[in-house]
Amino acid sequence: MIDNLFTQLPHPLAYADALLAWFIRLGIDEDETTLPDQCVAAAAQLSQCELSQLYWFDEATGRLDLIAQHLPGTLRSDARLCGTDYQHEQVLQYVLGHRSALSLDDLANSLYESDFLPVTATPWRSLSCVPLFSRHKTLAGVLLYASQRPKPLQGYAASLAPLGSFALMQLALLRRMRPVQRAALPECDVQANRAAFGLIGNSTAMDETYRLIGKILRTPYTVLLRGETGTGKEVVARAIHSAGPRSGKAFVVQNCAAFPEGLLESELFGYRKGAFTGAERNHTGLFDAAHGGTLLLDEIGDMPLSLQAKLLRVLQEGEIRPLGASTAHKVDVRIIAATHRDLAAMVAQGSFREDLYYRLAQFPIELPALRERDGDVLLLARHFAHKARAALGGPPVEWSSAALDQLSSHGFPGNVRELKCLVERAVLLCDDGVILPAHLSLLPSPLSGTADATLRQRLERVERVFLIDCLHKNRGNRTRTARELGVARRTLLYRLSHLKIAVGDVREGG
């Protein structure tokens, strides 16, 4: 066995001992944050190369992400957060496509491009790249090692490929164990994770929104946010960006309905000097401005058909060509699209491209209307009132029970945006520190709006308002609230659970 694997290597017995020691270290490492670093350190030591890199291949999306790098004399950066997709790099693409190793002993005269390697004072002279596989023989990643000296590296492939594959299988196993650990988190931690999104609400409808955001955060999928006007699509898009791995880069917003077709194209893709009359200098487009980050295309349903074709190319190829430019260049941008329109119906009518629709709807999230978010109106109203009062530099305001009752029974056709404007106006009108129904200026809800509600549903709506108000007065203390209401504490806890009132959210909202 040693003759077959190590005949081309110096000191084969010593090499075999070192290789076995590294297998043991990788096998006992139970920390998924250090395991990739151990793997690249092993590859660098065994091959006696200055550089070693480990890439993770996502078979579902085709992405190839750099997850660890060994290069002495440089500060380690967490490559998992950089968001760069390396699948199109020539060397790596060859290894993935042919599922076989590639060794280049003279990079200077090679036809393969290697400019994706780290820039150092001494150029890279030789390189070897091996494919890594899962236990099911599917592609799992790539292990690369490079030297600043011309040297044959092909002989290391037969032993380093199993080592790298073993490391990725261990890493996959550790990652599969994470959901089990998370499921055991206490409720307070679950609420804290929700708070990290910067969103407010504990209704059943919002529970589903939080769940979907959590699913999409660390994936490269395109997100389509659908919902009525005012449901907070931009807020949710910003939450996806801020809580994800691209948070350190730009978040750029473009309303596709705000510009005519020609101007929208130049805003998105940019242009070169002389591209058209008046183009007196180069202009950077929003795709380039959002490189490494997120671009929100709001009101995507209003994008002209000609531009839809160009956007589809960006999604498919990951590259753009500014107006007046002769060549295209790569961009790394996560696209989130938002619309209040029915894009499927527009596809049927021929006003929206079918192929673009399916690319945008890779991961759709339907945002609930405010009327579907039972109980969230009061949480949002208190939050908006607190922010408005803080911006004005005044003390906190109180809410009268009558005002809260009016809010909870109103339909809010303008959704969260309407509620926000309404509350901010009420705070301005409130002179004595208590918001009254007169400050809200709400018209009585038409009878047709509540005709479908049963008596039990209407009574529970009133009970919910009353309980939330009592909890706020007692700053979330359930014992004091039960005493004030004259009920047993267990009775209060049952009603809170039945009505889906989270005390943590109530306390934070006050």
Protein backbone atom coordinates (compact mmCIF):
# COMPACT_ATOMS: atom_id res chain seq x y z
CA MET A 1 0.00 0.00 0.00
CA ILE A 2 2.81 2.39 0.92
CA ASP A 3 4.59 1.54 -2.35
CA ASN A 4 1.47 2.46 -4.34
CA LEU A 5 0.76 5.74 -2.52
CA PHE A 6 4.15 7.16 -1.64
CA THR A 7 6.73 5.86 -4.14
CA GLN A 8 7.09 9.32 -5.69
CA LEU A 9 7.62 11.03 -2.31
CA PRO A 10 10.81 11.39 -0.26
CA HIS A 11 10.94 9.47 3.03
CA PRO A 12 7.72 7.47 2.44
CA LEU A 13 7.58 5.84 5.91
CA ALA A 14 7.93 9.16 7.74
CA TYR A 15 5.31 10.65 5.42
CA ALA A 16 2.90 7.78 6.17
CA ASP A 17 3.33 8.29 9.93
CA ALA A 18 2.65 12.02 9.60
CA LEU A 19 -0.40 11.38 7.39
CA LEU A 20 -1.83 8.91 9.93
CA ALA A 21 -1.31 11.43 12.75
CA TRP A 22 -3.26 14.06 10.82
CA PHE A 23 -6.12 11.62 10.16
CA ILE A 24 -6.32 11.00 13.91
CA ARG A 25 -6.32 14.74 14.72
CA LEU A 26 -9.10 15.40 12.21
CA GLY A 27 -11.08 12.46 13.54
CA ILE A 28 -11.11 13.72 17.14
CA ASP A 29 -11.68 17.41 16.34
CA GLU A 30 -15.32 18.16 17.29
CA ASP A 31 -15.19 21.90 16.53
CA GLU A 32 -16.47 22.76 13.07
CA THR A 33 -14.75 26.18 13.23
CA THR A 34 -11.25 24.66 13.64
CA LEU A 35 -11.59 21.49 11.57
CA PRO A 36 -11.09 23.20 8.15
CA ASP A 37 -8.01 25.01 9.51
CA GLN A 38 -6.57 21.69 10.69
CA CYS A 39 -7.10 20.24 7.22
CA VAL A 40 -5.25 23.03 5.35
CA ALA A 41 -2.44 22.99 7.93
CA ALA A 42 -2.06 19.25 7.32
CA ALA A 43 -1.99 19.65 3.54
CA ALA A 44 0.61 22.44 3.73
CA GLN A 45 2.87 20.47 6.08
CA LEU A 46 2.64 17.17 4.20
CA SER A 47 3.19 18.70 0.76
CA GLN A 48 5.76 21.21 2.08
CA CYS A 49 3.87 24.02 0.33
CA GLU A 50 3.49 27.61 1.51
CA LEU A 51 -0.20 27.76 0.57
CA SER A 52 -3.09 25.39 1.12
CA GLN A 53 -6.81 26.07 0.55
CA LEU A 54 -9.97 24.07 1.27
CA TYR A 55 -13.14 24.67 -0.76
CA TRP A 56 -16.67 23.50 0.02
CA PHE A 57 -18.88 22.55 -2.95
CA ASP A 58 -22.66 22.94 -2.69
CA GLU A 59 -24.13 20.42 -5.14
CA ALA A 60 -27.60 22.00 -4.99
CA THR A 61 -26.48 25.49 -6.06
CA GLY A 62 -23.15 24.77 -7.77
CA ARG A 63 -21.36 27.25 -5.50
CA LEU A 64 -17.73 26.68 -4.50
CA ASP A 65 -16.80 28.54 -1.31
CA LEU A 66 -13.34 28.94 0.22
CA ILE A 67 -13.73 27.87 3.86
CA ALA A 68 -10.10 27.71 5.05
CA GLN A 69 -6.66 28.91 3.98
CA HIS A 70 -3.16 28.27 5.32
CA LEU A 71 -0.56 30.91 4.38
CA PRO A 72 2.11 31.73 6.99
CA GLY A 73 2.85 35.40 7.56
CA THR A 74 -0.67 36.63 6.82
CA LEU A 75 -3.62 37.29 9.08
CA ARG A 76 -6.29 34.62 8.81
CA SER A 77 -9.59 35.91 7.48
CA ASP A 78 -12.81 33.96 7.78
CA ALA A 79 -13.30 33.04 4.13
CA ARG A 80 -16.74 31.60 4.91
CA LEU A 81 -18.07 35.12 5.27
CA CYS A 82 -16.60 36.60 2.09
CA GLY A 83 -19.47 35.42 -0.16
CA THR A 84 -17.23 34.79 -3.24
CA ASP A 85 -18.18 31.92 -5.55
CA TYR A 86 -15.04 30.27 -7.02
CA GLN A 87 -16.76 27.73 -9.27
CA HIS A 88 -15.80 29.63 -12.45
CA GLU A 89 -12.07 29.83 -11.73
CA GLN A 90 -10.35 27.93 -14.53
CA VAL A 91 -8.24 25.56 -12.40
CA LEU A 92 -11.02 24.77 -9.95
CA GLN A 93 -13.57 24.41 -12.73
CA TYR A 94 -11.39 21.81 -14.44
CA VAL A 95 -11.10 19.73 -11.25
CA LEU A 96 -14.85 19.91 -10.61
CA GLY A 97 -15.79 19.16 -14.22
CA HIS A 98 -13.37 16.25 -14.70
CA ARG A 99 -13.59 14.98 -11.11
CA SER A 100 -9.82 14.43 -11.26
CA ALA A 101 -6.65 16.04 -9.90
CA LEU A 102 -4.71 18.72 -11.77
CA SER A 103 -1.01 19.42 -11.13
CA LEU A 104 0.86 22.34 -12.71
CA ASP A 105 4.60 22.23 -12.10
CA ASP A 106 5.33 25.45 -14.04
CA LEU A 107 2.60 28.03 -13.45
CA ALA A 108 4.49 30.81 -15.26
CA ASN A 109 4.17 28.99 -18.58
CA SER A 110 0.80 27.38 -17.91
CA LEU A 111 -2.34 28.12 -19.92
CA TYR A 112 -4.40 28.05 -16.73
CA GLU A 113 -5.14 31.32 -14.91
CA SER A 114 -4.18 31.41 -11.25
CA ASP A 115 -4.82 35.04 -10.35
CA PHE A 116 -7.38 33.97 -7.71
CA LEU A 117 -4.50 32.85 -5.49
CA PRO A 118 -3.33 35.25 -2.76
CA VAL A 119 -0.90 37.92 -3.97
CA THR A 120 2.55 37.52 -2.40
CA ALA A 121 5.99 39.07 -2.92
CA THR A 122 7.23 35.80 -4.41
CA PRO A 123 5.08 34.45 -7.28
CA TRP A 124 3.53 31.00 -7.18
CA ARG A 125 5.51 28.51 -9.26
CA SER A 126 3.67 25.18 -8.90
CA LEU A 127 0.18 24.10 -7.92
CA SER A 128 -1.88 20.97 -7.39
CA CYS A 129 -5.62 20.64 -6.98
CA VAL A 130 -7.58 17.51 -5.99
CA PRO A 131 -11.35 16.86 -5.93
CA LEU A 132 -12.90 15.78 -2.63
CA PHE A 133 -15.85 13.43 -2.34
CA SER A 134 -18.55 12.56 0.19
CA ARG A 135 -19.18 9.06 1.47
CA HIS A 136 -21.81 8.78 -1.31
CA LYS A 137 -19.13 9.56 -3.94
CA THR A 138 -20.65 12.95 -4.78
CA LEU A 139 -18.42 16.02 -5.14
CA ALA A 140 -17.90 17.68 -1.76
CA GLY A 141 -15.10 20.17 -2.41
CA VAL A 142 -11.57 20.87 -3.60
CA LEU A 143 -8.20 20.87 -1.84
CA LEU A 144 -5.50 23.10 -3.35
CA TYR A 145 -1.84 23.42 -2.39
CA ALA A 146 0.73 25.67 -4.07
CA SER A 147 4.45 26.35 -3.77
CA GLN A 148 6.62 29.36 -4.48
CA ARG A 149 9.29 26.97 -5.79
CA PRO A 150 9.07 24.87 -8.93
CA LYS A 151 8.47 21.34 -7.67
CA PRO A 152 6.50 18.24 -8.69
CA LEU A 153 3.31 17.99 -6.61
CA GLN A 154 1.44 15.26 -8.43
CA GLY A 155 2.66 12.54 -6.07
CA TYR A 156 0.80 14.04 -3.09
CA ALA A 157 -2.64 13.81 -4.72
CA ALA A 158 -3.23 10.12 -3.93
CA SER A 159 -2.87 10.70 -0.17
CA LEU A 160 -4.11 14.29 0.29
CA ALA A 161 -7.40 13.65 -1.58
CA PRO A 162 -8.57 11.05 0.99
CA LEU A 163 -7.41 13.33 3.81
CA GLY A 164 -9.40 16.30 2.47
CA SER A 165 -12.46 14.12 1.77
CA PHE A 166 -12.31 12.78 5.32
CA ALA A 167 -12.16 16.34 6.71
CA LEU A 168 -15.21 17.44 4.72
CA MET A 169 -17.17 14.35 5.77
CA GLN A 170 -16.36 15.14 9.40
CA LEU A 171 -17.39 18.76 8.85
CA ALA A 172 -20.69 17.71 7.25
CA LEU A 173 -21.37 15.44 10.23
CA LEU A 174 -20.73 18.26 12.71
CA ARG A 175 -22.99 20.60 10.74
CA ARG A 176 -25.80 18.04 10.71
CA MET A 177 -25.61 17.90 14.51
CA ARG A 178 -26.24 21.65 14.87
CA PRO A 179 -30.06 21.66 14.42
CA VAL A 180 -30.41 19.14 17.25
CA GLN A 181 -28.45 21.42 19.55
CA ARG A 182 -30.44 24.47 18.49
CA ALA A 183 -33.74 22.72 19.10
CA ALA A 184 -32.81 22.49 22.77
CA LEU A 185 -32.33 26.26 23.15
CA PRO A 186 -34.59 27.89 25.76
CA GLU A 187 -37.45 30.06 24.58
CA CYS A 188 -35.62 33.26 25.59
CA ASP A 189 -32.83 32.43 23.08
CA VAL A 190 -35.38 31.81 20.34
CA GLN A 191 -36.88 35.24 21.03
CA ALA A 192 -33.40 36.79 20.96
CA ASN A 193 -32.77 35.28 17.52
CA ARG A 194 -36.01 36.82 16.29
CA ALA A 195 -34.99 40.18 17.73
CA ALA A 196 -31.76 39.97 15.70
CA PHE A 197 -33.86 40.37 12.54
CA GLY A 198 -35.07 43.77 13.76
CA LEU A 199 -38.69 42.76 13.19
CA ILE A 200 -41.61 43.08 15.58
CA GLY A 201 -44.49 40.67 16.04
CA ASN A 202 -45.30 37.33 17.64
CA SER A 203 -48.38 36.34 15.65
CA THR A 204 -48.62 32.96 13.97
CA ALA A 205 -48.26 34.65 10.58
CA MET A 206 -44.99 36.28 11.65
CA ASP A 207 -43.74 33.00 13.11
CA GLU A 208 -43.73 31.63 9.55
CA THR A 209 -41.91 34.74 8.27
CA TYR A 210 -39.19 34.34 10.91
CA ARG A 211 -38.84 30.66 10.02
CA LEU A 212 -38.38 31.39 6.33
CA ILE A 213 -35.85 34.16 6.98
CA GLY A 214 -33.85 31.78 9.14
CA LYS A 215 -33.84 29.22 6.32
CA ILE A 216 -32.59 31.65 3.66
CA LEU A 217 -29.95 33.63 5.58
CA ARG A 218 -26.83 31.65 4.70
CA THR A 219 -27.81 30.46 1.25
CA PRO A 220 -27.11 32.14 -2.11
CA TYR A 221 -30.73 31.79 -3.26
CA THR A 222 -32.58 34.71 -4.82
CA VAL A 223 -35.48 35.83 -2.62
CA LEU A 224 -38.83 37.14 -3.86
CA LEU A 225 -40.78 39.12 -1.27
CA ARG A 226 -44.48 39.33 -2.05
CA GLY A 227 -47.13 41.21 -0.16
CA GLU A 228 -49.51 44.13 -0.14
CA THR A 229 -48.23 47.70 -0.15
CA GLY A 230 -46.99 48.69 3.29
CA THR A 231 -46.34 45.18 4.65
CA GLY A 232 -42.65 45.93 5.22
CA LYS A 233 -40.91 44.28 2.28
CA GLU A 234 -37.89 46.57 2.47
CA VAL A 235 -37.65 46.03 6.23
CA VAL A 236 -37.58 42.26 5.73
CA ALA A 237 -35.01 42.56 2.92
CA ARG A 238 -32.77 44.62 5.18
CA ALA A 239 -33.21 42.03 7.94
CA ILE A 240 -32.08 39.24 5.57
CA HIS A 241 -29.01 41.29 4.67
CA SER A 242 -28.14 42.46 8.19
CA ALA A 243 -28.47 39.04 9.83
CA GLY A 244 -26.63 37.19 7.07
CA PRO A 245 -23.00 36.79 6.01
CA ARG A 246 -23.10 39.86 3.72
CA SER A 247 -23.90 42.29 6.55
CA GLY A 248 -20.47 43.94 6.32
CA LYS A 249 -21.07 44.96 2.69
CA ALA A 250 -23.47 47.40 1.05
CA PHE A 251 -27.26 47.12 1.08
CA VAL A 252 -28.55 48.95 -2.00
CA VAL A 253 -32.19 49.65 -2.83
CA GLN A 254 -33.62 50.50 -6.25
CA ASN A 255 -37.30 51.10 -6.94
CA CYS A 256 -37.90 49.84 -10.46
CA ALA A 257 -40.99 52.03 -10.83
CA ALA A 258 -39.14 55.24 -9.99
CA PHE A 259 -37.20 55.66 -13.26
CA PRO A 260 -38.00 55.51 -16.97
CA GLU A 261 -36.54 52.53 -18.85
CA GLY A 262 -33.35 54.17 -20.19
CA LEU A 263 -32.42 55.79 -16.91
CA LEU A 264 -33.14 52.64 -14.91
CA GLU A 265 -30.76 50.63 -17.13
CA SER A 266 -27.91 53.09 -16.62
CA GLU A 267 -28.59 53.21 -12.87
CA LEU A 268 -28.42 49.45 -12.56
CA PHE A 269 -25.56 48.63 -14.93
CA GLY A 270 -23.63 51.91 -15.07
CA TYR A 271 -22.12 53.40 -18.21
CA ARG A 272 -18.82 54.41 -19.77
CA LYS A 273 -17.84 57.90 -20.85
CA GLY A 274 -19.27 58.65 -24.29
CA ALA A 275 -21.86 55.86 -24.16
CA PHE A 276 -24.57 58.39 -25.00
CA THR A 277 -25.06 62.12 -25.26
CA GLY A 278 -24.33 63.65 -21.89
CA ALA A 279 -22.21 60.73 -20.60
CA GLU A 280 -19.18 62.88 -19.78
CA ARG A 281 -17.63 60.46 -17.28
CA ASN A 282 -17.78 56.84 -16.21
CA HIS A 283 -20.70 56.04 -13.91
CA THR A 284 -20.73 53.09 -11.50
CA GLY A 285 -24.01 51.18 -11.54
CA LEU A 286 -25.87 49.78 -8.56
CA PHE A 287 -24.76 46.20 -9.27
CA ASP A 288 -21.15 47.28 -8.87
CA ALA A 289 -22.04 49.43 -5.84
CA ALA A 290 -23.61 46.37 -4.19
CA HIS A 291 -20.67 44.04 -5.00
CA GLY A 292 -20.25 41.60 -2.12
CA GLY A 293 -23.54 42.77 -0.61
CA THR A 294 -27.25 42.83 -1.40
CA LEU A 295 -29.33 44.63 -4.04
CA LEU A 296 -33.05 45.02 -3.40
CA LEU A 297 -35.06 45.48 -6.59
CA ASP A 298 -38.31 46.91 -5.28
CA GLU A 299 -41.45 46.88 -7.42
CA ILE A 300 -39.82 44.36 -9.77
CA GLY A 301 -43.17 43.94 -11.51
CA ASP A 302 -42.72 47.43 -13.03
CA MET A 303 -39.40 46.59 -14.71
CA PRO A 304 -39.63 46.89 -18.54
CA LEU A 305 -39.41 43.65 -20.52
CA SER A 306 -36.16 44.67 -22.24
CA LEU A 307 -34.46 45.13 -18.88
CA GLN A 308 -35.90 41.87 -17.60
CA ALA A 309 -33.80 40.03 -20.19
CA LYS A 310 -30.63 41.75 -18.96
CA LEU A 311 -31.46 41.01 -15.33
CA LEU A 312 -31.95 37.35 -16.23
CA ARG A 313 -28.42 37.27 -17.65
CA VAL A 314 -27.04 38.69 -14.39
CA LEU A 315 -28.80 35.94 -12.44
CA GLN A 316 -27.60 33.23 -14.82
CA GLU A 317 -24.02 34.34 -15.51
CA GLY A 318 -23.19 36.56 -12.52
CA GLU A 319 -21.82 39.28 -14.81
CA ILE A 320 -22.85 42.70 -16.15
CA ARG A 321 -21.82 44.93 -19.03
CA PRO A 322 -22.14 48.69 -18.45
CA LEU A 323 -23.58 50.80 -21.28
CA GLY A 324 -20.83 51.62 -23.76
CA ALA A 325 -18.46 48.92 -22.44
CA SER A 326 -17.02 46.32 -24.81
CA THR A 327 -16.68 43.55 -22.24
CA ALA A 328 -18.65 42.21 -19.29
CA HIS A 329 -17.28 41.68 -15.79
CA LYS A 330 -18.24 39.50 -12.83
CA VAL A 331 -20.26 40.81 -9.89
CA ASP A 332 -21.01 39.07 -6.61
CA VAL A 333 -24.42 40.39 -5.56
CA ARG A 334 -27.31 38.77 -3.74
CA ILE A 335 -30.54 39.89 -5.37
CA ILE A 336 -33.75 40.29 -3.42
CA ALA A 337 -36.82 41.24 -5.43
CA ALA A 338 -40.01 42.68 -3.99
CA THR A 339 -43.45 43.29 -5.45
CA HIS A 340 -47.08 43.80 -4.55
CA ARG A 341 -48.14 42.55 -7.98
CA ASP A 342 -49.20 39.03 -8.96
CA LEU A 343 -46.19 38.11 -11.11
CA ALA A 344 -47.67 34.72 -12.05
CA ALA A 345 -50.69 36.49 -13.54
CA MET A 346 -48.37 38.93 -15.34
CA VAL A 347 -46.50 35.95 -16.83
CA ALA A 348 -49.80 34.59 -18.15
CA GLN A 349 -50.57 38.01 -19.67
CA GLY A 350 -47.14 38.24 -21.29
CA SER A 351 -46.05 41.34 -19.34
CA PHE A 352 -43.40 39.52 -17.28
CA ARG A 353 -40.83 36.99 -18.48
CA GLU A 354 -41.59 33.44 -17.36
CA ASP A 355 -37.92 32.42 -17.13
CA LEU A 356 -37.09 35.47 -14.99
CA TYR A 357 -40.06 34.81 -12.73
CA TYR A 358 -38.87 31.31 -11.90
CA ARG A 359 -35.33 32.56 -11.23
CA LEU A 360 -36.59 35.30 -8.92
CA ALA A 361 -39.04 33.00 -7.16
CA GLN A 362 -36.27 30.58 -6.18
CA PHE A 363 -37.27 31.25 -2.56
CA PRO A 364 -40.53 33.24 -2.25
CA ILE A 365 -41.66 34.74 1.05
CA GLU A 366 -45.25 35.95 1.35
CA LEU A 367 -45.46 38.80 3.87
CA PRO A 368 -48.72 38.79 5.82
CA ALA A 369 -51.05 41.77 5.82
CA LEU A 370 -51.49 43.50 9.16
CA ARG A 371 -55.06 42.24 9.45
CA GLU A 372 -53.63 38.67 9.41
CA ARG A 373 -51.16 39.40 12.24
CA ASP A 374 -53.42 38.94 15.23
CA GLY A 375 -52.16 41.00 18.17
CA ASP A 376 -49.16 42.53 16.40
CA VAL A 377 -50.92 45.87 15.87
CA LEU A 378 -50.53 46.83 19.53
CA LEU A 379 -46.87 45.76 19.68
CA LEU A 380 -46.11 47.78 16.56
CA ALA A 381 -48.09 50.79 17.77
CA ARG A 382 -46.17 50.92 21.07
CA HIS A 383 -42.88 50.52 19.22
CA PHE A 384 -43.65 53.34 16.76
CA ALA A 385 -44.86 55.58 19.58
CA HIS A 386 -41.67 54.97 21.58
CA LYS A 387 -39.46 55.76 18.57
CA ALA A 388 -41.46 58.86 17.62
CA ARG A 389 -41.35 60.22 21.17
CA ALA A 390 -37.61 59.53 21.44
CA ALA A 391 -37.00 61.37 18.16
CA LEU A 392 -38.91 64.37 19.52
CA GLY A 393 -36.95 64.26 22.76
CA GLY A 394 -40.01 63.86 24.99
CA PRO A 395 -40.94 61.39 27.75
CA PRO A 396 -42.73 58.11 26.86
CA VAL A 397 -46.45 58.26 26.15
CA GLU A 398 -49.20 56.06 27.58
CA TRP A 399 -52.10 54.51 25.71
CA SER A 400 -55.69 54.66 26.78
CA SER A 401 -57.62 51.38 26.66
CA ALA A 402 -60.12 52.96 24.27
CA ALA A 403 -57.34 53.92 21.85
CA LEU A 404 -55.87 50.42 21.95
CA ASP A 405 -59.31 48.94 21.35
CA GLN A 406 -59.75 51.19 18.31
CA LEU A 407 -56.40 50.12 16.90
CA SER A 408 -57.08 46.42 17.37
CA SER A 409 -60.40 46.58 15.56
CA HIS A 410 -59.22 48.70 12.63
CA GLY A 411 -58.58 47.02 9.28
CA PHE A 412 -55.48 49.03 8.21
CA PRO A 413 -55.68 48.72 4.43
CA GLY A 414 -52.30 50.50 4.28
CA ASN A 415 -50.78 47.87 6.61
CA VAL A 416 -47.72 48.67 8.76
CA ARG A 417 -46.90 51.85 6.86
CA GLU A 418 -50.38 53.24 7.57
CA LEU A 419 -50.12 52.28 11.24
CA LYS A 420 -46.70 53.95 11.57
CA CYS A 421 -47.91 57.24 10.08
CA LEU A 422 -51.06 57.12 12.22
CA VAL A 423 -49.11 56.59 15.46
CA GLU A 424 -46.53 59.29 14.66
CA ARG A 425 -49.35 61.77 14.09
CA ALA A 426 -51.03 60.73 17.35
CA VAL A 427 -47.78 61.30 19.27
CA LEU A 428 -47.58 64.83 17.89
CA LEU A 429 -51.21 65.54 18.83
CA CYS A 430 -50.83 64.09 22.32
CA ASP A 431 -50.19 66.95 24.77
CA ASP A 432 -50.92 65.29 28.11
CA GLY A 433 -48.86 62.11 27.66
CA VAL A 434 -51.84 59.79 26.97
CA ILE A 435 -52.94 58.82 23.47
CA LEU A 436 -56.73 58.94 23.18
CA PRO A 437 -59.07 57.83 20.37
CA ALA A 438 -59.37 61.46 19.29
CA HIS A 439 -55.65 61.55 18.50
CA LEU A 440 -55.98 58.59 16.14
CA SER A 441 -58.84 60.05 14.08
CA LEU A 442 -59.90 56.58 12.96
CA LEU A 443 -63.22 56.15 11.23
CA PRO A 444 -65.38 53.36 12.69
CA SER A 445 -64.74 50.08 10.92
CA PRO A 446 -67.61 49.09 8.60
CA LEU A 447 -69.81 46.29 9.84
CA SER A 448 -68.84 44.21 6.84
CA GLY A 449 -65.29 44.08 8.13
CA THR A 450 -66.30 42.06 11.18
CA ALA A 451 -69.30 40.21 9.83
CA ASP A 452 -67.29 37.04 9.32
CA ALA A 453 -65.85 37.01 12.85
CA THR A 454 -67.57 34.70 15.32
CA LEU A 455 -68.62 35.91 18.76
CA ARG A 456 -65.75 33.95 20.33
CA GLN A 457 -63.20 35.54 17.98
CA ARG A 458 -64.47 39.03 18.76
CA LEU A 459 -64.42 38.37 22.51
CA GLU A 460 -60.88 36.98 22.30
CA ARG A 461 -59.78 40.09 20.40
CA VAL A 462 -61.08 42.28 23.22
CA GLU A 463 -59.49 39.98 25.84
CA ARG A 464 -56.16 40.13 24.05
CA VAL A 465 -56.12 43.93 24.07
CA PHE A 466 -57.04 43.98 27.76
CA LEU A 467 -54.38 41.43 28.80
CA ILE A 468 -51.59 43.09 26.81
CA ASP A 469 -52.49 46.45 28.36
CA CYS A 470 -52.40 44.99 31.89
CA LEU A 471 -49.06 43.32 31.21
CA HIS A 472 -47.59 46.60 30.00
CA LYS A 473 -48.76 48.39 33.14
CA ASN A 474 -46.99 45.74 35.23
CA ARG A 475 -43.89 45.68 32.97
CA GLY A 476 -44.46 42.05 32.01
CA ASN A 477 -44.74 40.75 35.61
CA ARG A 478 -47.31 37.94 35.37
CA THR A 479 -47.75 37.52 39.13
CA ARG A 480 -48.71 41.18 39.62
CA THR A 481 -50.90 41.07 36.50
CA ALA A 482 -52.78 38.01 37.81
CA ARG A 483 -53.25 39.69 41.20
CA GLU A 484 -54.62 42.86 39.56
CA LEU A 485 -57.01 40.83 37.42
CA GLY A 486 -58.13 38.71 40.38
CA VAL A 487 -57.31 35.36 38.73
CA ALA A 488 -54.94 32.54 39.58
CA ARG A 489 -51.48 32.81 38.01
CA ARG A 490 -51.91 29.48 36.18
CA THR A 491 -55.19 30.77 34.71
CA LEU A 492 -53.40 33.85 33.38
CA LEU A 493 -50.61 31.71 31.93
CA TYR A 494 -53.15 29.50 30.17
CA ARG A 495 -54.93 32.51 28.62
CA LEU A 496 -51.61 34.05 27.52
CA SER A 497 -50.62 30.78 25.85
CA HIS A 498 -54.04 30.34 24.24
CA LEU A 499 -53.98 33.89 22.85
CA LYS A 500 -50.30 33.58 21.81
CA ILE A 501 -49.15 36.55 23.89
CA ALA A 502 -45.37 36.43 24.46
CA VAL A 503 -44.54 38.28 27.68
CA GLY A 504 -40.99 38.97 26.47
CA ASP A 505 -42.32 40.93 23.49
CA VAL A 506 -44.82 42.77 25.70
CA ARG A 507 -42.06 43.85 28.06
CA GLU A 508 -39.80 45.01 25.25
CA GLY A 509 -42.58 46.94 23.56
CA GLY A 510 -43.34 49.12 26.57
